[in-house]
Amino acid sequence: MKFKAVFFDFDYTLGDGTEAIVAGFRYAFEKLGLPEPDREAVRRTIGMMLEDEYTLLSGDADPAGRAEFRRLYTEKAGPLQVETTRLFPGAAELLAALKERGIPVGIVSTKKTATLRDVLEARGVAHLLTSVVGGDQVSAPKPDPQGLLSSIAALGLTPGEVLYCGDTVIDGETALRAGAPFCAVLNGTTGAEAFRDRGLPCAHVAEDLWARARGLGLPSTSQENSGGAAP
């Protein structure tokens, strides 16, 4: 393991909150008198700032509309996040293996910090993380590298000493701007070709988190071989 720390995005990298996210979108769109958004269309926006997702799917760029969407979305999705968000197979094992080797692990996401912490606590992995930085802790969302750079600096490291893992070109651009090596994790809706098309250098491309563990030189587990899922 040549990296001194590893940071992850959350949605579609470590976890899947699709059910709560889609429910929040559909509830908010209904309340706003808009047509119900398609599930796959919503999925393809995950990883963007929430207001930008709304504007992309609705065409409404008015600040008041964007703010009201966030309020309505949170009203519905907030209570569902902890209940329905699941970790991808291999996530808990990967985090535990890194911690066992003394490698600090953190999350840098656009998701609200409190939501992230609640989900991680409920899934039993919060104690494995050194830091959690959500979109509410930065003045500029990804791909601005502010959150990633502050997390790296807090460990007394330089960007070249850490690996950032994410599932979208936004994550890849974040790593590039920070000067950190990037691993594309293909758990979400973005294929490997999208990173190539954008000219984003990837130190690694992992089909899933088991592959990411192997790429970091971490041992496979019996759960991987038996197809077991993380809690």
Protein backbone atom coordinates (compact mmCIF):
# COMPACT_ATOMS: atom_id res chain seq x y z
CA MET A 1 0.00 0.00 0.00
CA LYS A 2 1.89 3.05 -1.23
CA PHE A 3 -0.75 5.57 -0.07
CA LYS A 4 -0.70 7.08 3.42
CA ALA A 5 -4.47 7.70 3.47
CA VAL A 6 -7.52 6.86 1.37
CA PHE A 7 -10.58 9.09 0.91
CA PHE A 8 -13.90 8.07 -0.57
CA ASP A 9 -16.97 9.69 -2.03
CA PHE A 10 -20.08 8.10 -0.52
CA ASP A 11 -23.08 7.74 -2.87
CA TYR A 12 -22.44 4.98 -5.43
CA THR A 13 -18.88 4.61 -4.12
CA LEU A 14 -19.33 3.13 -0.65
CA GLY A 15 -23.11 3.16 -0.36
CA ASP A 16 -26.41 3.15 -2.22
CA GLY A 17 -29.11 5.58 -1.07
CA THR A 18 -31.18 5.34 -4.26
CA GLU A 19 -34.50 4.54 -2.61
CA ALA A 20 -34.47 7.56 -0.30
CA ILE A 21 -33.11 9.87 -3.00
CA VAL A 22 -35.70 8.90 -5.61
CA ALA A 23 -38.49 9.11 -3.02
CA GLY A 24 -37.31 12.61 -2.07
CA PHE A 25 -37.26 13.77 -5.67
CA ARG A 26 -40.70 12.39 -6.48
CA TYR A 27 -42.22 13.89 -3.34
CA ALA A 28 -40.72 17.32 -3.99
CA PHE A 29 -41.65 17.32 -7.67
CA GLU A 30 -45.24 16.39 -6.81
CA LYS A 31 -45.48 19.18 -4.24
CA LEU A 32 -44.08 21.63 -6.78
CA GLY A 33 -46.59 20.56 -9.43
CA LEU A 34 -43.93 19.05 -11.69
CA PRO A 35 -44.08 15.75 -13.61
CA GLU A 36 -42.72 12.76 -11.74
CA PRO A 37 -39.01 12.37 -12.53
CA ASP A 38 -37.82 9.11 -14.03
CA ARG A 39 -35.94 6.88 -11.59
CA GLU A 40 -32.97 6.38 -13.91
CA ALA A 41 -32.81 10.09 -14.68
CA VAL A 42 -32.54 10.78 -10.95
CA ARG A 43 -29.89 8.09 -10.53
CA ARG A 44 -27.73 9.66 -13.23
CA THR A 45 -27.62 12.95 -11.30
CA ILE A 46 -26.47 11.45 -7.99
CA GLY A 47 -23.17 13.00 -6.99
CA MET A 48 -24.10 16.50 -8.11
CA MET A 49 -25.13 19.25 -5.70
CA LEU A 50 -28.81 18.72 -4.88
CA GLU A 51 -29.99 22.05 -6.31
CA ASP A 52 -28.13 21.37 -9.56
CA GLU A 53 -29.78 17.97 -9.82
CA TYR A 54 -33.14 19.70 -9.48
CA THR A 55 -32.36 22.30 -12.13
CA LEU A 56 -31.09 19.66 -14.55
CA LEU A 57 -34.26 17.57 -14.21
CA SER A 58 -36.81 20.39 -13.98
CA GLY A 59 -35.29 23.24 -15.98
CA ASP A 60 -35.96 25.60 -13.07
CA ALA A 61 -32.90 27.69 -12.22
CA ASP A 62 -34.72 30.19 -10.00
CA PRO A 63 -32.98 30.38 -6.57
CA ALA A 64 -36.31 30.36 -4.76
CA GLY A 65 -37.42 27.22 -6.59
CA ARG A 66 -34.12 25.53 -5.91
CA ALA A 67 -34.34 26.35 -2.21
CA GLU A 68 -37.91 25.11 -1.96
CA PHE A 69 -36.96 21.89 -3.70
CA ARG A 70 -34.22 21.26 -1.15
CA ARG A 71 -36.65 21.87 1.71
CA LEU A 72 -39.24 19.48 0.30
CA TYR A 73 -36.69 16.87 -0.71
CA THR A 74 -35.17 16.86 2.79
CA GLU A 75 -38.63 16.59 4.36
CA LYS A 76 -39.16 13.26 2.61
CA ALA A 77 -35.70 11.83 2.01
CA GLY A 78 -34.15 12.78 5.35
CA PRO A 79 -36.01 10.25 7.51
CA LEU A 80 -35.50 7.53 4.87
CA GLN A 81 -31.74 7.85 4.48
CA VAL A 82 -30.73 5.93 7.58
CA GLU A 83 -33.45 3.34 7.10
CA THR A 84 -32.85 2.49 3.44
CA THR A 85 -29.23 3.37 2.58
CA ARG A 86 -27.09 0.24 2.28
CA LEU A 87 -23.37 -0.27 1.97
CA PHE A 88 -22.07 -1.95 -1.15
CA PRO A 89 -20.64 -5.46 -0.75
CA GLY A 90 -17.07 -5.15 0.41
CA ALA A 91 -17.38 -1.63 1.83
CA ALA A 92 -17.25 -2.51 5.52
CA GLU A 93 -14.50 -5.06 4.94
CA LEU A 94 -12.40 -2.59 2.94
CA LEU A 95 -12.70 0.13 5.58
CA ALA A 96 -11.85 -2.32 8.34
CA ALA A 97 -8.82 -3.68 6.47
CA LEU A 98 -7.45 -0.18 5.90
CA LYS A 99 -7.91 0.75 9.56
CA GLU A 100 -6.23 -2.50 10.65
CA ARG A 101 -3.20 -1.53 8.58
CA GLY A 102 -3.09 1.93 10.15
CA ILE A 103 -4.22 3.72 6.99
CA PRO A 104 -6.46 6.72 7.80
CA VAL A 105 -9.76 6.66 5.90
CA GLY A 106 -12.15 9.54 5.28
CA ILE A 107 -15.19 10.56 3.27
CA VAL A 108 -15.50 13.67 1.11
CA SER A 109 -19.03 13.95 -0.27
CA THR A 110 -21.67 16.45 -1.34
CA LYS A 111 -24.13 14.77 1.05
CA LYS A 112 -24.91 16.53 4.35
CA THR A 113 -22.41 15.67 7.06
CA ALA A 114 -25.06 14.82 9.66
CA THR A 115 -26.80 12.46 7.22
CA LEU A 116 -23.51 10.75 6.40
CA ARG A 117 -22.66 10.30 10.07
CA ASP A 118 -26.10 8.91 10.87
CA VAL A 119 -25.93 6.41 8.00
CA LEU A 120 -22.39 5.33 8.86
CA GLU A 121 -23.30 4.91 12.52
CA ALA A 122 -26.38 2.86 11.64
CA ARG A 123 -24.33 0.60 9.37
CA GLY A 124 -21.71 0.10 12.08
CA VAL A 125 -18.71 1.61 10.28
CA ALA A 126 -18.45 5.14 11.70
CA HIS A 127 -15.63 4.11 14.06
CA LEU A 128 -13.50 3.07 11.07
CA LEU A 129 -13.32 6.61 9.69
CA THR A 130 -10.89 9.36 10.59
CA SER A 131 -12.95 12.16 9.03
CA VAL A 132 -16.26 12.86 7.31
CA VAL A 133 -16.65 16.03 5.25
CA GLY A 134 -20.03 16.75 3.70
CA GLY A 135 -21.16 19.43 1.30
CA ASP A 136 -22.36 21.65 4.14
CA GLN A 137 -18.79 22.00 5.43
CA VAL A 138 -17.38 23.69 2.34
CA SER A 139 -18.09 26.96 0.56
CA ALA A 140 -17.80 25.39 -2.89
CA PRO A 141 -19.02 21.89 -3.84
CA LYS A 142 -17.05 19.29 -5.78
CA PRO A 143 -15.35 19.39 -8.22
CA ASP A 144 -13.85 22.23 -6.19
CA PRO A 145 -11.21 20.36 -4.15
CA GLN A 146 -11.72 22.37 -0.97
CA GLY A 147 -13.16 19.48 1.06
CA LEU A 148 -10.56 16.99 -0.11
CA LEU A 149 -7.66 19.37 0.43
CA SER A 150 -8.79 20.28 3.94
CA SER A 151 -9.13 16.59 4.83
CA ILE A 152 -5.65 15.88 3.53
CA ALA A 153 -4.15 18.86 5.35
CA ALA A 154 -5.77 17.77 8.63
CA LEU A 155 -3.68 14.60 8.45
CA GLY A 156 -0.50 16.54 7.75
CA LEU A 157 -0.18 14.89 4.33
CA THR A 158 0.26 16.14 0.78
CA PRO A 159 -2.21 15.35 -2.05
CA GLY A 160 0.24 13.02 -3.76
CA GLU A 161 0.32 10.80 -0.68
CA VAL A 162 -3.42 9.98 -0.68
CA LEU A 163 -5.86 8.21 -2.96
CA TYR A 164 -9.35 9.56 -3.65
CA CYS A 165 -11.96 7.02 -4.75
CA GLY A 166 -15.21 8.03 -6.45
CA ASP A 167 -17.77 6.96 -9.00
CA THR A 168 -18.33 10.08 -11.12
CA VAL A 169 -16.36 12.41 -13.37
CA ILE A 170 -17.05 15.06 -10.72
CA ASP A 171 -14.99 12.97 -8.30
CA GLY A 172 -12.27 12.51 -10.89
CA GLU A 173 -12.12 16.24 -11.52
CA THR A 174 -11.96 16.86 -7.76
CA ALA A 175 -8.93 14.62 -7.43
CA LEU A 176 -7.28 16.18 -10.47
CA ARG A 177 -7.72 19.71 -9.12
CA ALA A 178 -6.40 18.64 -5.73
CA GLY A 179 -3.39 16.92 -7.25
CA ALA A 180 -4.33 13.55 -5.73
CA PRO A 181 -4.28 10.15 -7.47
CA PHE A 182 -7.78 8.95 -8.34
CA CYS A 183 -9.51 5.57 -8.39
CA ALA A 184 -12.70 5.24 -10.43
CA VAL A 185 -15.09 2.86 -8.68
CA LEU A 186 -17.71 1.62 -11.14
CA ASN A 187 -20.54 1.00 -8.64
CA GLY A 188 -22.77 3.73 -10.05
CA THR A 189 -24.04 4.97 -13.40
CA THR A 190 -20.69 6.14 -14.83
CA GLY A 191 -18.66 3.75 -16.96
CA ALA A 192 -14.89 3.70 -17.36
CA GLU A 193 -15.15 5.30 -20.80
CA ALA A 194 -16.59 8.49 -19.30
CA PHE A 195 -13.37 9.12 -17.38
CA ARG A 196 -11.31 8.49 -20.51
CA ASP A 197 -13.53 10.76 -22.60
CA ARG A 198 -13.01 13.60 -20.12
CA GLY A 199 -9.27 13.06 -20.07
CA LEU A 200 -9.27 12.30 -16.35
CA PRO A 201 -6.25 10.26 -15.27
CA CYS A 202 -7.11 7.23 -13.15
CA ALA A 203 -4.45 5.57 -11.04
CA HIS A 204 -6.87 2.64 -10.76
CA VAL A 205 -10.24 1.56 -12.16
CA ALA A 206 -12.17 -0.86 -9.94
CA GLU A 207 -15.31 -2.72 -10.99
CA ASP A 208 -16.40 -2.91 -7.34
CA LEU A 209 -15.03 -2.58 -3.82
CA TRP A 210 -13.62 -6.10 -3.75
CA ALA A 211 -11.50 -5.12 -6.76
CA ARG A 212 -10.51 -1.91 -4.98
CA ALA A 213 -9.30 -3.92 -1.99
CA ARG A 214 -7.22 -6.20 -4.20
CA GLY A 215 -5.78 -3.16 -6.00
CA LEU A 216 -4.61 -1.78 -2.65
CA GLY A 217 -2.92 -5.06 -1.81
CA LEU A 218 -5.50 -6.00 0.81
CA PRO A 219 -6.42 -9.66 1.18
CA SER A 220 -9.66 -11.13 -0.15
CA THR A 221 -12.16 -12.43 2.39
CA SER A 222 -14.42 -15.42 2.63
CA GLN A 223 -17.38 -13.08 2.18
CA GLU A 224 -16.10 -12.07 -1.25
CA ASN A 225 -15.70 -15.66 -2.30
CA SER A 226 -19.18 -16.59 -1.06
CA GLY A 227 -20.86 -13.49 -2.49
CA GLY A 228 -21.78 -12.17 0.97
CA ALA A 229 -22.98 -8.58 1.31
CA ALA A 230 -21.80 -5.95 3.71
CA PRO A 231 -24.25 -5.03 6.48
